PDB file of N, CA and C in Angstrom:
ATOM      1  N   MET A   1      86.696 116.110  90.919  1.00  0.00           N
ATOM      2  CA  MET A   1      86.017 115.958  92.205  1.00  0.00           C
ATOM      3  C   MET A   1      87.054 115.909  93.316  1.00  0.00           C
ATOM      4  N   GLU A   2      86.623 116.167  94.482  1.00  0.00           N
ATOM      5  CA  GLU A   2      87.505 116.229  95.634  1.00  0.00           C
ATOM      6  C   GLU A   2      87.863 114.839  96.187  1.00  0.00           C
ATOM      7  N   THR A   3      88.744 114.851  97.152  1.00  0.00           N
ATOM      8  CA  THR A   3      89.128 113.631  97.861  1.00  0.00           C
ATOM      9  C   THR A   3      88.675 113.757  99.308  1.00  0.00           C
ATOM     10  N   ILE A   4      88.075 112.724  99.839  1.00  0.00           N
ATOM     11  CA  ILE A   4      87.666 112.678 101.235  1.00  0.00           C
ATOM     12  C   ILE A   4      88.636 111.766 101.968  1.00  0.00           C
ATOM     13  N   HIS A   5      89.295 112.300 102.986  1.00  0.00           N
ATOM     14  CA  HIS A   5      90.231 111.530 103.795  1.00  0.00           C
ATOM     15  C   HIS A   5      89.509 111.002 105.026  1.00  0.00           C
ATOM     16  N   PHE A   6      89.760 109.746 105.354  1.00  0.00           N
ATOM     17  CA  PHE A   6      89.222 109.136 106.569  1.00  0.00           C
ATOM     18  C   PHE A   6      90.371 108.651 107.426  1.00  0.00           C
ATOM     19  N   HIS A   7      90.258 108.885 108.712  1.00  0.00           N
ATOM     20  CA  HIS A   7      91.221 108.356 109.678  1.00  0.00           C
ATOM     21  C   HIS A   7      90.518 107.252 110.455  1.00  0.00           C
ATOM     22  N   ILE A   8      91.173 106.097 110.576  1.00  0.00           N
ATOM     23  CA  ILE A   8      90.583 104.940 111.250  1.00  0.00           C
ATOM     24  C   ILE A   8      91.252 104.729 112.591  1.00  0.00           C
ATOM     25  N   THR A   9      90.403 104.520 113.592  1.00  0.00           N
ATOM     26  CA  THR A   9      90.868 104.145 114.928  1.00  0.00           C
ATOM     27  C   THR A   9      90.039 102.953 115.394  1.00  0.00           C
ATOM     28  N   ARG A  10      90.447 102.388 116.502  1.00  0.00           N
ATOM     29  CA  ARG A  10      89.669 101.280 117.073  1.00  0.00           C
ATOM     30  C   ARG A  10      89.215 101.710 118.461  1.00  0.00           C
ATOM     31  N   LYS A  11      87.890 101.638 118.680  1.00  0.00           N
ATOM     32  CA  LYS A  11      87.304 102.044 119.950  1.00  0.00           C
ATOM     33  C   LYS A  11      86.240 101.030 120.360  1.00  0.00           C
ATOM     34  N   HIS A  12      86.384 100.503 121.538  1.00  0.00           N
ATOM     35  CA  HIS A  12      85.357  99.614 122.105  1.00  0.00           C
ATOM     36  C   HIS A  12      84.971  98.481 121.154  1.00  0.00           C
ATOM     37  N   GLU A  13      85.950  97.726 120.701  1.00  0.00           N
ATOM     38  CA  GLU A  13      85.711  96.551 119.843  1.00  0.00           C
ATOM     39  C   GLU A  13      85.172  96.912 118.453  1.00  0.00           C
ATOM     40  N   GLN A  14      85.250  98.176 118.063  1.00  0.00           N
ATOM     41  CA  GLN A  14      84.773  98.623 116.759  1.00  0.00           C
ATOM     42  C   GLN A  14      85.864  99.426 116.069  1.00  0.00           C
ATOM     43  N   TYR A  15      85.923  99.310 114.754  1.00  0.00           N
ATOM     44  CA  TYR A  15      86.760 100.203 113.957  1.00  0.00           C
ATOM     45  C   TYR A  15      85.905 101.418 113.622  1.00  0.00           C
ATOM     46  N   VAL A  16      86.465 102.597 113.786  1.00  0.00           N
ATOM     47  CA  VAL A  16      85.736 103.841 113.561  1.00  0.00           C
ATOM     48  C   VAL A  16      86.471 104.657 112.504  1.00  0.00           C
ATOM     49  N   ALA A  17      85.741 105.095 111.478  1.00  0.00           N
ATOM     50  CA  ALA A  17      86.307 105.934 110.419  1.00  0.00           C
ATOM     51  C   ALA A  17      85.682 107.313 110.522  1.00  0.00           C
ATOM     52  N   GLU A  18      86.533 108.334 110.591  1.00  0.00           N
ATOM     53  CA  GLU A  18      86.066 109.709 110.696  1.00  0.00           C
ATOM     54  C   GLU A  18      86.581 110.507 109.513  1.00  0.00           C
ATOM     55  N   GLY A  19      85.666 111.148 108.806  1.00  0.00           N
ATOM     56  CA  GLY A  19      86.038 111.998 107.681  1.00  0.00           C
ATOM     57  C   GLY A  19      86.712 113.260 108.168  1.00  0.00           C
ATOM     58  N   LEU A  20      87.762 113.674 107.491  1.00  0.00           N
ATOM     59  CA  LEU A  20      88.485 114.872 107.893  1.00  0.00           C
ATOM     60  C   LEU A  20      87.929 116.132 107.229  1.00  0.00           C
ATOM     61  N   GLU A  21      87.504 116.048 105.979  1.00  0.00           N
ATOM     62  CA  GLU A  21      86.973 117.214 105.270  1.00  0.00           C
ATOM     63  C   GLU A  21      85.459 117.357 105.422  1.00  0.00           C
ATOM     64  N   GLU A  22      84.787 116.275 105.650  1.00  0.00           N
ATOM     65  CA  GLU A  22      83.328 116.258 105.764  1.00  0.00           C
ATOM     66  C   GLU A  22      82.936 115.579 107.074  1.00  0.00           C
ATOM     67  N   ALA A  23      81.775 115.940 107.598  1.00  0.00           N
ATOM     68  CA  ALA A  23      81.283 115.345 108.848  1.00  0.00           C
ATOM     69  C   ALA A  23      80.651 113.994 108.551  1.00  0.00           C
ATOM     70  N   ILE A  24      81.504 113.012 108.269  1.00  0.00           N
ATOM     71  CA  ILE A  24      81.055 111.653 107.986  1.00  0.00           C
ATOM     72  C   ILE A  24      81.769 110.733 108.965  1.00  0.00           C
ATOM     73  N   VAL A  25      81.005 109.967 109.727  1.00  0.00           N
ATOM     74  CA  VAL A  25      81.565 109.015 110.688  1.00  0.00           C
ATOM     75  C   VAL A  25      80.808 107.709 110.545  1.00  0.00           C
ATOM     76  N   THR A  26      81.535 106.600 110.546  1.00  0.00           N
ATOM     77  CA  THR A  26      80.900 105.298 110.504  1.00  0.00           C
ATOM     78  C   THR A  26      81.755 104.310 111.279  1.00  0.00           C
ATOM     79  N   GLN A  27      81.169 103.161 111.622  1.00  0.00           N
ATOM     80  CA  GLN A  27      81.906 102.158 112.380  1.00  0.00           C
ATOM     81  C   GLN A  27      81.435 100.771 111.996  1.00  0.00           C
ATOM     82  N   ALA A  28      82.284  99.778 112.305  1.00  0.00           N
ATOM     83  CA  ALA A  28      81.972  98.384 112.025  1.00  0.00           C
ATOM     84  C   ALA A  28      82.896  97.494 112.859  1.00  0.00           C
ATOM     85  N   PRO A  29      82.507  96.252 113.072  1.00  0.00           N
ATOM     86  CA  PRO A  29      83.331  95.347 113.885  1.00  0.00           C
ATOM     87  C   PRO A  29      84.574  94.815 113.179  1.00  0.00           C
ATOM     88  N   THR A  30      84.600  94.842 111.847  1.00  0.00           N
ATOM     89  CA  THR A  30      85.766  94.360 111.108  1.00  0.00           C
ATOM     90  C   THR A  30      86.213  95.421 110.104  1.00  0.00           C
ATOM     91  N   MET A  31      87.454  95.331 109.698  1.00  0.00           N
ATOM     92  CA  MET A  31      87.987  96.284 108.730  1.00  0.00           C
ATOM     93  C   MET A  31      87.286  96.139 107.372  1.00  0.00           C
ATOM     94  N   ASP A  32      87.012  94.917 106.942  1.00  0.00           N
ATOM     95  CA  ASP A  32      86.310  94.714 105.671  1.00  0.00           C
ATOM     96  C   ASP A  32      84.939  95.387 105.687  1.00  0.00           C
ATOM     97  N   GLU A  33      84.207  95.197 106.773  1.00  0.00           N
ATOM     98  CA  GLU A  33      82.892  95.823 106.886  1.00  0.00           C
ATOM     99  C   GLU A  33      83.018  97.345 106.953  1.00  0.00           C
ATOM    100  N   LEU A  34      84.043  97.822 107.633  1.00  0.00           N
ATOM    101  CA  LEU A  34      84.229  99.263 107.746  1.00  0.00           C
ATOM    102  C   LEU A  34      84.457  99.899 106.382  1.00  0.00           C
ATOM    103  N   LEU A  35      85.257  99.278 105.548  1.00  0.00           N
ATOM    104  CA  LEU A  35      85.514  99.835 104.211  1.00  0.00           C
ATOM    105  C   LEU A  35      84.224  99.918 103.399  1.00  0.00           C
ATOM    106  N   LEU A  36      83.367  98.923 103.532  1.00  0.00           N
ATOM    107  CA  LEU A  36      82.064  98.966 102.852  1.00  0.00           C
ATOM    108  C   LEU A  36      81.181 100.070 103.433  1.00  0.00           C
ATOM    109  N   MET A  37      81.217 100.222 104.751  1.00  0.00           N
ATOM    110  CA  MET A  37      80.422 101.260 105.408  1.00  0.00           C
ATOM    111  C   MET A  37      80.890 102.662 105.006  1.00  0.00           C
ATOM    112  N   ILE A  38      82.204 102.832 104.821  1.00  0.00           N
ATOM    113  CA  ILE A  38      82.725 104.124 104.371  1.00  0.00           C
ATOM    114  C   ILE A  38      82.170 104.453 102.988  1.00  0.00           C
ATOM    115  N   GLN A  39      82.219 103.480 102.086  1.00  0.00           N
ATOM    116  CA  GLN A  39      81.707 103.706 100.731  1.00  0.00           C
ATOM    117  C   GLN A  39      80.223 104.064 100.764  1.00  0.00           C
ATOM    118  N   GLU A  40      79.460 103.352 101.579  1.00  0.00           N
ATOM    119  CA  GLU A  40      78.023 103.613 101.683  1.00  0.00           C
ATOM    120  C   GLU A  40      77.757 104.999 102.283  1.00  0.00           C
ATOM    121  N   ALA A  41      78.498 105.355 103.326  1.00  0.00           N
ATOM    122  CA  ALA A  41      78.303 106.654 103.969  1.00  0.00           C
ATOM    123  C   ALA A  41      78.635 107.802 103.012  1.00  0.00           C
ATOM    124  N   VAL A  42      79.697 107.655 102.246  1.00  0.00           N
ATOM    125  CA  VAL A  42      80.071 108.696 101.275  1.00  0.00           C
ATOM    126  C   VAL A  42      79.002 108.799 100.185  1.00  0.00           C
ATOM    127  N   ALA A  43      78.522 107.666  99.703  1.00  0.00           N
ATOM    128  CA  ALA A  43      77.479 107.675  98.671  1.00  0.00           C
ATOM    129  C   ALA A  43      76.217 108.371  99.182  1.00  0.00           C
ATOM    130  N   LEU A  44      75.829 108.110 100.417  1.00  0.00           N
ATOM    131  CA  LEU A  44      74.646 108.762 100.984  1.00  0.00           C
ATOM    132  C   LEU A  44      74.878 110.255 101.204  1.00  0.00           C
ATOM    133  N   HIS A  45      76.045 110.608 101.668  1.00  0.00           N
ATOM    134  CA  HIS A  45      76.368 112.012 101.942  1.00  0.00           C
ATOM    135  C   HIS A  45      76.360 112.851 100.659  1.00  0.00           C
ATOM    136  N   PHE A  46      76.790 112.243  99.561  1.00  0.00           N
ATOM    137  CA  PHE A  46      76.893 112.960  98.293  1.00  0.00           C
ATOM    138  C   PHE A  46      75.865 112.468  97.273  1.00  0.00           C
ATOM    139  N   GLU A  47      74.710 111.998  97.736  1.00  0.00           N
ATOM    140  CA  GLU A  47      73.734 111.409  96.828  1.00  0.00           C
ATOM    141  C   GLU A  47      73.199 112.383  95.778  1.00  0.00           C
ATOM    142  N   GLU A  48      73.282 113.672  96.026  1.00  0.00           N
ATOM    143  CA  GLU A  48      72.813 114.670  95.065  1.00  0.00           C
ATOM    144  C   GLU A  48      73.877 115.026  94.020  1.00  0.00           C
ATOM    145  N   GLU A  49      75.099 114.585  94.235  1.00  0.00           N
ATOM    146  CA  GLU A  49      76.215 114.940  93.347  1.00  0.00           C
ATOM    147  C   GLU A  49      76.239 114.023  92.115  1.00  0.00           C
ATOM    148  N   GLN A  50      76.786 114.544  91.022  1.00  0.00           N
ATOM    149  CA  GLN A  50      76.936 113.768  89.791  1.00  0.00           C
ATOM    150  C   GLN A  50      78.033 112.713  89.926  1.00  0.00           C
ATOM    151  N   GLN A  51      79.083 113.070  90.645  1.00  0.00           N
ATOM    152  CA  GLN A  51      80.237 112.178  90.780  1.00  0.00           C
ATOM    153  C   GLN A  51      80.661 112.131  92.245  1.00  0.00           C
ATOM    154  N   LEU A  52      80.981 110.937  92.730  1.00  0.00           N
ATOM    155  CA  LEU A  52      81.424 110.789  94.115  1.00  0.00           C
ATOM    156  C   LEU A  52      82.894 111.154  94.258  1.00  0.00           C
ATOM    157  N   PRO A  53      83.287 111.664  95.429  1.00  0.00           N
ATOM    158  CA  PRO A  53      84.694 111.985  95.645  1.00  0.00           C
ATOM    159  C   PRO A  53      85.534 110.721  95.784  1.00  0.00           C
ATOM    160  N   THR A  54      86.817 110.881  95.611  1.00  0.00           N
ATOM    161  CA  THR A  54      87.767 109.801  95.861  1.00  0.00           C
ATOM    162  C   THR A  54      87.877 109.615  97.371  1.00  0.00           C
ATOM    163  N   ILE A  55      88.001 108.376  97.816  1.00  0.00           N
ATOM    164  CA  ILE A  55      88.127 108.073  99.244  1.00  0.00           C
ATOM    165  C   ILE A  55      89.567 107.678  99.525  1.00  0.00           C
ATOM    166  N   LEU A  56      90.171 108.349 100.493  1.00  0.00           N
ATOM    167  CA  LEU A  56      91.531 108.048 100.919  1.00  0.00           C
ATOM    168  C   LEU A  56      91.482 107.713 102.408  1.00  0.00           C
ATOM    169  N   VAL A  57      91.996 106.541 102.774  1.00  0.00           N
ATOM    170  CA  VAL A  57      91.935 106.060 104.156  1.00  0.00           C
ATOM    171  C   VAL A  57      93.342 105.992 104.729  1.00  0.00           C
ATOM    172  N   ASP A  58      93.497 106.497 105.964  1.00  0.00           N
ATOM    173  CA  ASP A  58      94.764 106.311 106.659  1.00  0.00           C
ATOM    174  C   ASP A  58      94.473 105.721 108.032  1.00  0.00           C
ATOM    175  N   MET A  59      95.411 104.951 108.520  1.00  0.00           N
ATOM    176  CA  MET A  59      95.237 104.341 109.832  1.00  0.00           C
ATOM    177  C   MET A  59      96.583 104.214 110.515  1.00  0.00           C
ATOM    178  N   ASN A  60      96.544 104.233 111.803  1.00  0.00           N
ATOM    179  CA  ASN A  60      97.731 104.040 112.619  1.00  0.00           C
ATOM    180  C   ASN A  60      97.708 102.592 113.104  1.00  0.00           C
ATOM    181  N   LEU A  61      98.504 101.716 112.469  1.00  0.00           N
ATOM    182  CA  LEU A  61      98.466 100.307 112.808  1.00  0.00           C
ATOM    183  C   LEU A  61      98.899 100.032 114.238  1.00  0.00           C
ATOM    184  N   THR A  62      99.833 100.816 114.757  1.00  0.00           N
ATOM    185  CA  THR A  62     100.259 100.644 116.146  1.00  0.00           C
ATOM    186  C   THR A  62      99.094 100.937 117.076  1.00  0.00           C
ATOM    187  N   GLU A  63      98.385 102.017 116.802  1.00  0.00           N
ATOM    188  CA  GLU A  63      97.226 102.392 117.595  1.00  0.00           C
ATOM    189  C   GLU A  63      96.165 101.304 117.539  1.00  0.00           C
ATOM    190  N   LEU A  64      95.921 100.744 116.359  1.00  0.00           N
ATOM    191  CA  LEU A  64      94.910  99.711 116.207  1.00  0.00           C
ATOM    192  C   LEU A  64      95.314  98.424 116.908  1.00  0.00           C
ATOM    193  N   ALA A  65      96.596  98.093 116.876  1.00  0.00           N
ATOM    194  CA  ALA A  65      97.077  96.860 117.484  1.00  0.00           C
ATOM    195  C   ALA A  65      96.974  96.906 119.007  1.00  0.00           C
ATOM    196  N   HIS A  66      97.086  98.090 119.602  1.00  0.00           N
ATOM    197  CA  HIS A  66      97.056  98.213 121.045  1.00  0.00           C
ATOM    198  C   HIS A  66      95.693  98.583 121.599  1.00  0.00           C
ATOM    199  N   ALA A  67      94.736  98.738 120.742  1.00  0.00           N
ATOM    200  CA  ALA A  67      93.403  99.165 121.214  1.00  0.00           C
ATOM    201  C   ALA A  67      92.647  98.010 121.828  1.00  0.00           C
TER     202      ALA A  67
END
């Protein structure tokens, strides 16, 4: 199965995860909640598939710290 990469940024008091290979976007007020939301969004996006893709997350900590 494929790997879905997500890039995380912080916008307007929310963490935002955007899928790079697939049009999947989700957000949450905390990083813990965001990671759960990413898993849920991927599961919903691929609900017809036999196996879910691997999730790979990258973030720019400097960008997040200054947001």
